[in-house]
Amino acid sequence: MTKRITKMAGVAAFSLVAAASAFADIKLNDNFSVGGYVVGSANYVQYKPTTGSSYSTSKLDGDAYKFWTNITFAPVTGTLSYYAGSDGKPVVLDAYATYDAGSGIKISFGKFLSWLGYEAFDPINMTQLTYGWATPQGFGVANIPAYHSGVKIEQGNDAYTVGVAILDSVDPVGGIAKGDGDLKNGPGVEAYFTYKGVKNLTLFAGGYFENDTYVDTKKTSIDLWAQYVLGDTTFAAEVSTRKDDYVGPADLTSNFWLIEAQQALNKAWVLTARISGVSTKTKGASQKPKGTTFTIAPSVTITANLSVVFEYSYTTYKDYSLNKGNYVAVQARFKF
């Protein structure tokens, strides 16, 4: 599912939203609401190198913990969240205020999540565990940013939404939680357009640009995705490309794509199938590393607050240190 809530139909609407609901805030009063989640998983990852013997890794651990609060004094809403990954170290993620200027215009400033990417940052908004922009064995691209700071403005209605943001940097620095906090070395710009004028169809086009003088590179990315709901089935496709133009080293082009289908089997079970590909190309290099992953992921809603997701993924590689790999995992998600 996406970072933005999109319209679904029939049983699919009930199952997908119940199994991986967006932030289901607990309303304390007219001004305050809170929410959060705890997510943990067990997995087995197999690696088959192009030379040598296969090896594997496994884990049983917590994946993510998050607590957020929304404070509203119309026309201003403040959002603050704390997050910890598998290392258990808490960081501030969301820390921004939004002013509703009317006529569908909203202005936000602070630290917030990038608009780009069909698949959600928060695992409770996913119907699988892994992402299309990285293989389970760790070969991935940096096309989809996480958090950065700045000012953004959005305007929209039932048919469309458009947004532009001026940022401290496109990419987060030293983790996922923040940008570089510096405009002197070059600000970043991110923008998007979403169209929902056709029933059950959502189209998204977004991208970013940054002239980062700190590392002597220009970063440019384009992200396109589409989602269509047909009865109890949700179809989606995404393609993304990023170009890093370096002054010194060879330029790097990073790409990923995915095709996905989510089928609501009943009010409890959803089955997700996805094919995704990741590739990179360094200017002047003869090899172009590539990974293609086939994913199947059943998920079940046990209660309104508890769900379990299973996943199996098989990946093949080309021009890479691995030949193929397997991934098996189960993840429990509790939200409040």
Protein backbone atom coordinates (compact mmCIF):
# COMPACT_ATOMS: atom_id res chain seq x y z
CA MET A 1 0.00 0.00 0.00
CA THR A 2 1.06 3.56 -0.51
CA LYS A 3 2.14 6.41 1.72
CA ARG A 4 -1.16 8.03 0.85
CA ILE A 5 -4.48 6.27 1.45
CA THR A 6 -6.08 5.34 -1.85
CA LYS A 7 -9.63 4.29 -2.50
CA MET A 8 -10.37 0.55 -2.59
CA ALA A 9 -13.53 -1.37 -3.28
CA GLY A 10 -15.56 -4.26 -1.92
CA VAL A 11 -13.93 -6.87 0.31
CA ALA A 12 -10.54 -5.48 -0.73
CA ALA A 13 -11.32 -2.24 1.02
CA PHE A 14 -12.15 -3.98 4.29
CA SER A 15 -9.32 -6.52 4.23
CA LEU A 16 -6.46 -4.35 3.09
CA VAL A 17 -7.30 -1.47 5.38
CA ALA A 18 -7.87 -3.81 8.31
CA ALA A 19 -4.76 -5.86 7.67
CA ALA A 20 -2.50 -2.87 7.12
CA SER A 21 -4.37 0.16 8.27
CA ALA A 22 -2.98 3.64 8.17
CA PHE A 23 -2.46 5.40 11.45
CA ALA A 24 -5.51 4.51 13.54
CA ASP A 25 -5.22 7.35 16.02
CA ILE A 26 -6.69 7.07 19.49
CA LYS A 27 -8.59 10.34 19.94
CA LEU A 28 -8.05 11.70 23.44
CA ASN A 29 -10.16 14.81 22.85
CA ASP A 30 -10.89 17.26 20.06
CA ASN A 31 -7.29 18.48 20.07
CA PHE A 32 -5.11 15.46 20.86
CA SER A 33 -4.73 11.97 19.39
CA VAL A 34 -2.02 9.31 19.72
CA GLY A 35 -1.10 6.05 18.04
CA GLY A 36 1.72 3.65 17.40
CA TYR A 37 2.86 0.17 16.52
CA VAL A 38 5.24 -2.63 17.43
CA VAL A 39 6.51 -4.95 14.69
CA GLY A 40 8.73 -8.02 14.97
CA SER A 41 9.72 -10.83 12.61
CA ALA A 42 11.63 -14.05 12.06
CA ASN A 43 13.35 -14.75 8.77
CA TYR A 44 15.72 -17.07 6.92
CA VAL A 45 17.84 -15.64 4.08
CA GLN A 46 19.84 -17.86 1.71
CA TYR A 47 22.68 -16.57 -0.49
CA LYS A 48 24.09 -18.47 -3.47
CA PRO A 49 27.30 -16.77 -4.68
CA THR A 50 28.46 -16.97 -8.28
CA THR A 51 31.49 -18.85 -6.94
CA GLY A 52 31.76 -20.86 -3.75
CA SER A 53 29.22 -22.46 -1.47
CA SER A 54 25.84 -21.20 -0.38
CA TYR A 55 25.42 -19.64 3.04
CA SER A 56 22.52 -18.29 5.05
CA THR A 57 21.51 -15.93 7.83
CA SER A 58 18.52 -15.86 10.15
CA LYS A 59 16.96 -13.60 12.77
CA LEU A 60 14.25 -13.37 15.38
CA ASP A 61 13.98 -9.80 16.56
CA GLY A 62 11.96 -6.61 16.72
CA ASP A 63 11.88 -4.65 13.46
CA ALA A 64 10.29 -1.32 14.29
CA TYR A 65 8.61 0.58 17.11
CA LYS A 66 6.77 3.85 16.64
CA PHE A 67 4.69 6.25 18.72
CA TRP A 68 3.10 9.40 17.34
CA THR A 69 0.84 12.19 18.44
CA ASN A 70 -1.21 14.75 16.55
CA ILE A 71 -2.12 18.08 18.15
CA THR A 72 -4.76 20.17 16.39
CA PHE A 73 -5.73 23.75 17.04
CA ALA A 74 -7.48 24.65 13.80
CA PRO A 75 -6.27 25.67 11.34
CA VAL A 76 -2.89 24.29 12.53
CA THR A 77 -2.00 20.63 13.20
CA GLY A 78 1.29 19.49 14.72
CA THR A 79 2.66 15.96 14.26
CA LEU A 80 5.43 14.38 16.33
CA SER A 81 6.66 10.78 16.24
CA TYR A 82 9.36 8.68 17.88
CA TYR A 83 10.76 5.63 16.12
CA ALA A 84 13.24 2.85 16.81
CA GLY A 85 14.47 0.23 14.37
CA SER A 86 15.92 -3.20 15.13
CA ASP A 87 18.82 -1.56 17.04
CA GLY A 88 16.32 -0.18 19.58
CA LYS A 89 17.72 3.36 19.43
CA PRO A 90 14.88 5.93 19.42
CA VAL A 91 14.93 8.89 17.04
CA VAL A 92 12.49 11.66 16.21
CA LEU A 93 10.95 11.03 12.79
CA ASP A 94 7.97 13.28 12.11
CA ALA A 95 8.26 16.76 13.61
CA TYR A 96 6.23 19.23 11.60
CA ALA A 97 3.28 21.62 11.68
CA THR A 98 0.65 22.01 8.96
CA TYR A 99 -1.39 25.14 8.30
CA ASP A 100 -4.70 24.67 6.45
CA ALA A 101 -5.04 27.80 4.33
CA GLY A 102 -8.37 26.76 2.84
CA SER A 103 -9.30 26.03 -0.81
CA GLY A 104 -7.42 22.73 -0.53
CA ILE A 105 -4.10 24.43 0.25
CA LYS A 106 -1.92 23.13 3.08
CA ILE A 107 1.51 24.43 4.09
CA SER A 108 3.84 22.36 6.29
CA PHE A 109 7.24 23.05 7.80
CA GLY A 110 9.58 20.88 9.85
CA LYS A 111 10.81 17.31 9.34
CA PHE A 112 8.64 14.98 7.27
CA LEU A 113 8.61 11.91 5.03
CA SER A 114 9.31 12.03 1.30
CA TRP A 115 6.29 11.80 -1.02
CA LEU A 116 7.99 9.31 -3.34
CA GLY A 117 7.42 5.57 -3.44
CA TYR A 118 4.33 3.38 -3.86
CA GLU A 119 5.28 1.11 -0.96
CA ALA A 120 4.83 2.56 2.50
CA PHE A 121 7.53 3.50 5.02
CA ASP A 122 5.54 2.11 7.95
CA PRO A 123 5.27 -1.71 7.89
CA ILE A 124 1.66 -1.66 9.15
CA ASN A 125 0.74 -0.07 5.80
CA MET A 126 2.28 -2.94 3.79
CA THR A 127 0.89 -6.32 2.77
CA GLN A 128 4.40 -7.79 2.44
CA LEU A 129 7.73 -7.42 4.29
CA THR A 130 10.29 -6.51 1.62
CA TYR A 131 10.46 -3.59 -0.80
CA GLY A 132 10.69 -3.45 -4.58
CA TRP A 133 13.74 -1.17 -4.46
CA ALA A 134 15.95 -3.76 -2.72
CA THR A 135 16.43 -7.51 -2.87
CA PRO A 136 16.14 -9.55 0.35
CA GLN A 137 19.89 -10.23 0.10
CA GLY A 138 20.70 -6.52 0.30
CA PHE A 139 21.21 -5.29 -3.28
CA GLY A 140 19.25 -2.05 -3.47
CA VAL A 141 19.07 1.52 -4.72
CA ALA A 142 18.54 4.89 -2.99
CA ASN A 143 15.81 6.22 -5.30
CA ILE A 144 13.21 6.60 -2.53
CA PRO A 145 14.30 9.01 0.25
CA ALA A 146 13.14 8.76 3.83
CA TYR A 147 12.95 11.87 6.05
CA HIS A 148 14.23 15.37 5.43
CA SER A 149 13.49 18.89 6.66
CA GLY A 150 12.03 21.87 4.90
CA VAL A 151 8.84 23.59 3.80
CA LYS A 152 6.19 22.00 1.59
CA ILE A 153 2.94 23.21 0.07
CA GLU A 154 0.14 21.03 -1.29
CA GLN A 155 -3.09 21.89 -3.07
CA GLY A 156 -5.76 19.47 -4.15
CA ASN A 157 -9.33 18.25 -4.39
CA ASP A 158 -11.08 14.93 -5.05
CA ALA A 159 -9.52 14.67 -8.53
CA TYR A 160 -5.91 15.71 -8.02
CA THR A 161 -3.23 16.83 -5.56
CA VAL A 162 0.00 18.66 -6.35
CA GLY A 163 2.88 19.40 -3.99
CA VAL A 164 6.28 21.11 -3.95
CA ALA A 165 8.89 21.04 -1.17
CA ILE A 166 12.12 22.97 -0.55
CA LEU A 167 14.44 20.75 1.52
CA ASP A 168 17.72 20.82 3.40
CA SER A 169 18.70 17.77 1.34
CA VAL A 170 16.98 15.09 -0.69
CA ASP A 171 18.72 12.14 0.95
CA PRO A 172 18.74 11.49 4.69
CA VAL A 173 22.17 11.61 6.29
CA GLY A 174 23.49 9.12 8.85
CA GLY A 175 20.31 7.02 8.80
CA ILE A 176 16.68 7.51 7.83
CA ALA A 177 15.63 10.19 10.29
CA LYS A 178 16.91 13.53 8.94
CA GLY A 179 18.57 15.39 6.10
CA ASP A 180 21.91 17.16 6.23
CA GLY A 181 20.47 20.28 7.94
CA ASP A 182 22.44 22.57 5.63
CA LEU A 183 21.28 24.82 2.78
CA LYS A 184 24.73 26.25 2.00
CA ASN A 185 25.83 23.10 0.16
CA GLY A 186 22.70 23.13 -2.00
CA PRO A 187 19.00 22.75 -1.13
CA GLY A 188 16.87 19.94 -2.52
CA VAL A 189 13.56 20.23 -4.33
CA GLU A 190 10.87 17.54 -4.39
CA ALA A 191 7.53 17.66 -6.20
CA TYR A 192 4.64 15.36 -7.09
CA PHE A 193 1.28 15.18 -8.82
CA THR A 194 -1.48 12.66 -8.05
CA TYR A 195 -4.55 12.16 -10.23
CA LYS A 196 -7.73 10.40 -9.03
CA GLY A 197 -10.24 11.73 -11.54
CA VAL A 198 -11.12 8.24 -12.82
CA LYS A 199 -13.00 5.91 -10.46
CA ASN A 200 -10.71 3.38 -8.70
CA LEU A 201 -7.61 4.68 -10.55
CA THR A 202 -4.71 6.56 -8.95
CA LEU A 203 -1.78 7.94 -10.94
CA PHE A 204 1.34 9.41 -9.35
CA ALA A 205 4.30 11.28 -10.83
CA GLY A 206 7.04 12.69 -8.63
CA GLY A 207 10.71 13.47 -8.48
CA TYR A 208 13.50 15.48 -6.92
CA PHE A 209 16.62 17.45 -7.75
CA GLU A 210 19.59 18.53 -5.66
CA ASN A 211 22.89 20.15 -6.56
CA ASP A 212 24.87 18.82 -3.61
CA THR A 213 28.14 20.75 -3.50
CA TYR A 214 29.22 18.88 -0.34
CA VAL A 215 29.89 15.68 -2.28
CA ASP A 216 30.13 17.29 -5.74
CA THR A 217 27.13 15.59 -7.25
CA LYS A 218 23.80 16.44 -8.86
CA LYS A 219 20.99 14.10 -7.84
CA THR A 220 17.93 13.68 -10.03
CA SER A 221 15.13 11.15 -9.66
CA ILE A 222 11.75 10.40 -11.25
CA ASP A 223 9.16 8.08 -9.67
CA LEU A 224 5.99 6.96 -11.47
CA TRP A 225 3.31 4.61 -10.19
CA ALA A 226 -0.27 3.63 -10.88
CA GLN A 227 -2.91 1.76 -8.89
CA TYR A 228 -6.22 0.36 -10.08
CA VAL A 229 -8.90 -1.40 -8.02
CA LEU A 230 -11.02 -4.00 -9.79
CA GLY A 231 -13.54 -5.60 -7.45
CA ASP A 232 -11.59 -7.34 -4.69
CA THR A 233 -8.24 -7.03 -6.50
CA THR A 234 -5.81 -4.11 -6.40
CA PHE A 235 -3.23 -3.84 -9.19
CA ALA A 236 -0.16 -1.60 -9.03
CA ALA A 237 2.96 -0.84 -11.03
CA GLU A 238 5.91 1.46 -10.37
CA VAL A 239 9.06 2.53 -12.19
CA SER A 240 11.81 4.74 -10.76
CA THR A 241 15.14 6.04 -12.00
CA ARG A 242 17.85 8.07 -10.29
CA LYS A 243 20.93 9.75 -11.75
CA ASP A 244 23.95 10.81 -9.68
CA ASP A 245 26.19 13.10 -11.74
CA TYR A 246 29.56 13.22 -9.99
CA VAL A 247 32.28 15.77 -10.67
CA GLY A 248 35.04 13.26 -9.98
CA PRO A 249 33.89 9.60 -9.96
CA ALA A 250 31.89 7.97 -12.72
CA ASP A 251 28.19 8.83 -12.90
CA LEU A 252 25.74 6.32 -11.46
CA THR A 253 22.25 5.44 -12.72
CA SER A 254 19.96 3.46 -10.40
CA ASN A 255 16.66 1.90 -11.44
CA PHE A 256 13.89 -0.21 -9.96
CA TRP A 257 10.45 -1.35 -11.04
CA LEU A 258 7.61 -3.45 -9.66
CA ILE A 259 4.34 -5.03 -10.71
CA GLU A 260 2.03 -6.03 -7.88
CA ALA A 261 -1.42 -7.52 -7.28
CA GLN A 262 -3.28 -7.70 -3.96
CA GLN A 263 -6.22 -10.09 -3.76
CA ALA A 264 -8.64 -9.96 -0.83
CA LEU A 265 -9.63 -13.59 -0.26
CA ASN A 266 -12.11 -12.78 2.52
CA LYS A 267 -12.43 -10.33 5.41
CA ALA A 268 -9.32 -11.76 7.10
CA TRP A 269 -6.88 -12.88 4.38
CA VAL A 270 -5.11 -10.91 1.65
CA LEU A 271 -2.72 -12.45 -0.87
CA THR A 272 -0.04 -10.23 -2.43
CA ALA A 273 2.08 -11.20 -5.43
CA ARG A 274 4.88 -8.99 -6.75
CA ILE A 275 7.62 -9.07 -9.36
CA SER A 276 10.32 -6.43 -8.90
CA GLY A 277 13.68 -5.55 -10.40
CA VAL A 278 16.70 -3.51 -9.28
CA SER A 279 19.66 -2.46 -11.43
CA THR A 280 22.58 -0.05 -11.41
CA LYS A 281 24.87 1.26 -14.12
CA THR A 282 28.17 3.04 -13.57
CA LYS A 283 29.42 5.13 -16.46
CA GLY A 284 32.26 3.35 -18.23
CA ALA A 285 31.71 0.01 -16.47
CA SER A 286 31.15 -3.11 -18.56
CA GLN A 287 28.90 -4.83 -16.02
CA LYS A 288 25.40 -3.73 -15.05
CA PRO A 289 24.37 -5.45 -11.78
CA LYS A 290 20.76 -6.56 -11.78
CA GLY A 291 18.42 -8.43 -9.44
CA THR A 292 14.90 -9.74 -10.15
CA THR A 293 12.69 -10.85 -7.26
CA PHE A 294 9.49 -12.91 -7.27
CA THR A 295 7.44 -12.44 -4.09
CA ILE A 296 4.34 -14.10 -2.65
CA ALA A 297 2.94 -12.79 0.65
CA PRO A 298 -0.25 -13.93 2.42
CA SER A 299 -1.40 -11.75 5.32
CA VAL A 300 -4.12 -12.30 7.91
CA THR A 301 -5.98 -9.94 10.20
CA ILE A 302 -6.43 -11.58 13.60
CA THR A 303 -7.98 -8.61 15.40
CA ALA A 304 -8.44 -4.94 14.56
CA ASN A 305 -5.03 -4.32 16.16
CA LEU A 306 -3.08 -7.48 15.32
CA SER A 307 -2.06 -8.91 11.95
CA VAL A 308 0.50 -11.43 10.68
CA VAL A 309 2.26 -11.35 7.31
CA PHE A 310 4.12 -14.23 5.66
CA GLU A 311 6.51 -13.88 2.72
CA TYR A 312 8.57 -16.02 0.38
CA SER A 313 10.84 -14.33 -2.18
CA TYR A 314 13.13 -15.83 -4.81
CA THR A 315 15.76 -13.62 -6.44
CA THR A 316 18.01 -14.12 -9.46
CA TYR A 317 21.05 -11.93 -10.18
CA LYS A 318 23.15 -10.88 -13.15
CA ASP A 319 26.61 -9.24 -13.11
CA TYR A 320 26.59 -9.45 -9.33
CA SER A 321 28.44 -11.36 -6.60
CA LEU A 322 25.36 -13.56 -6.07
CA ASN A 323 23.72 -15.94 -8.49
CA LYS A 324 20.40 -16.38 -6.66
CA GLY A 325 18.82 -16.26 -3.23
CA ASN A 326 15.81 -17.32 -1.17
CA TYR A 327 13.96 -15.49 1.60
CA VAL A 328 11.33 -16.80 4.02
CA ALA A 329 9.84 -14.63 6.76
CA VAL A 330 6.91 -14.09 9.09
CA GLN A 331 6.11 -10.76 10.74
CA ALA A 332 3.67 -9.89 13.53
CA ARG A 333 2.26 -6.36 13.68
CA PHE A 334 0.47 -4.76 16.62
CA LYS A 335 -0.93 -1.27 16.20
CA PHE A 336 -2.86 1.05 18.46
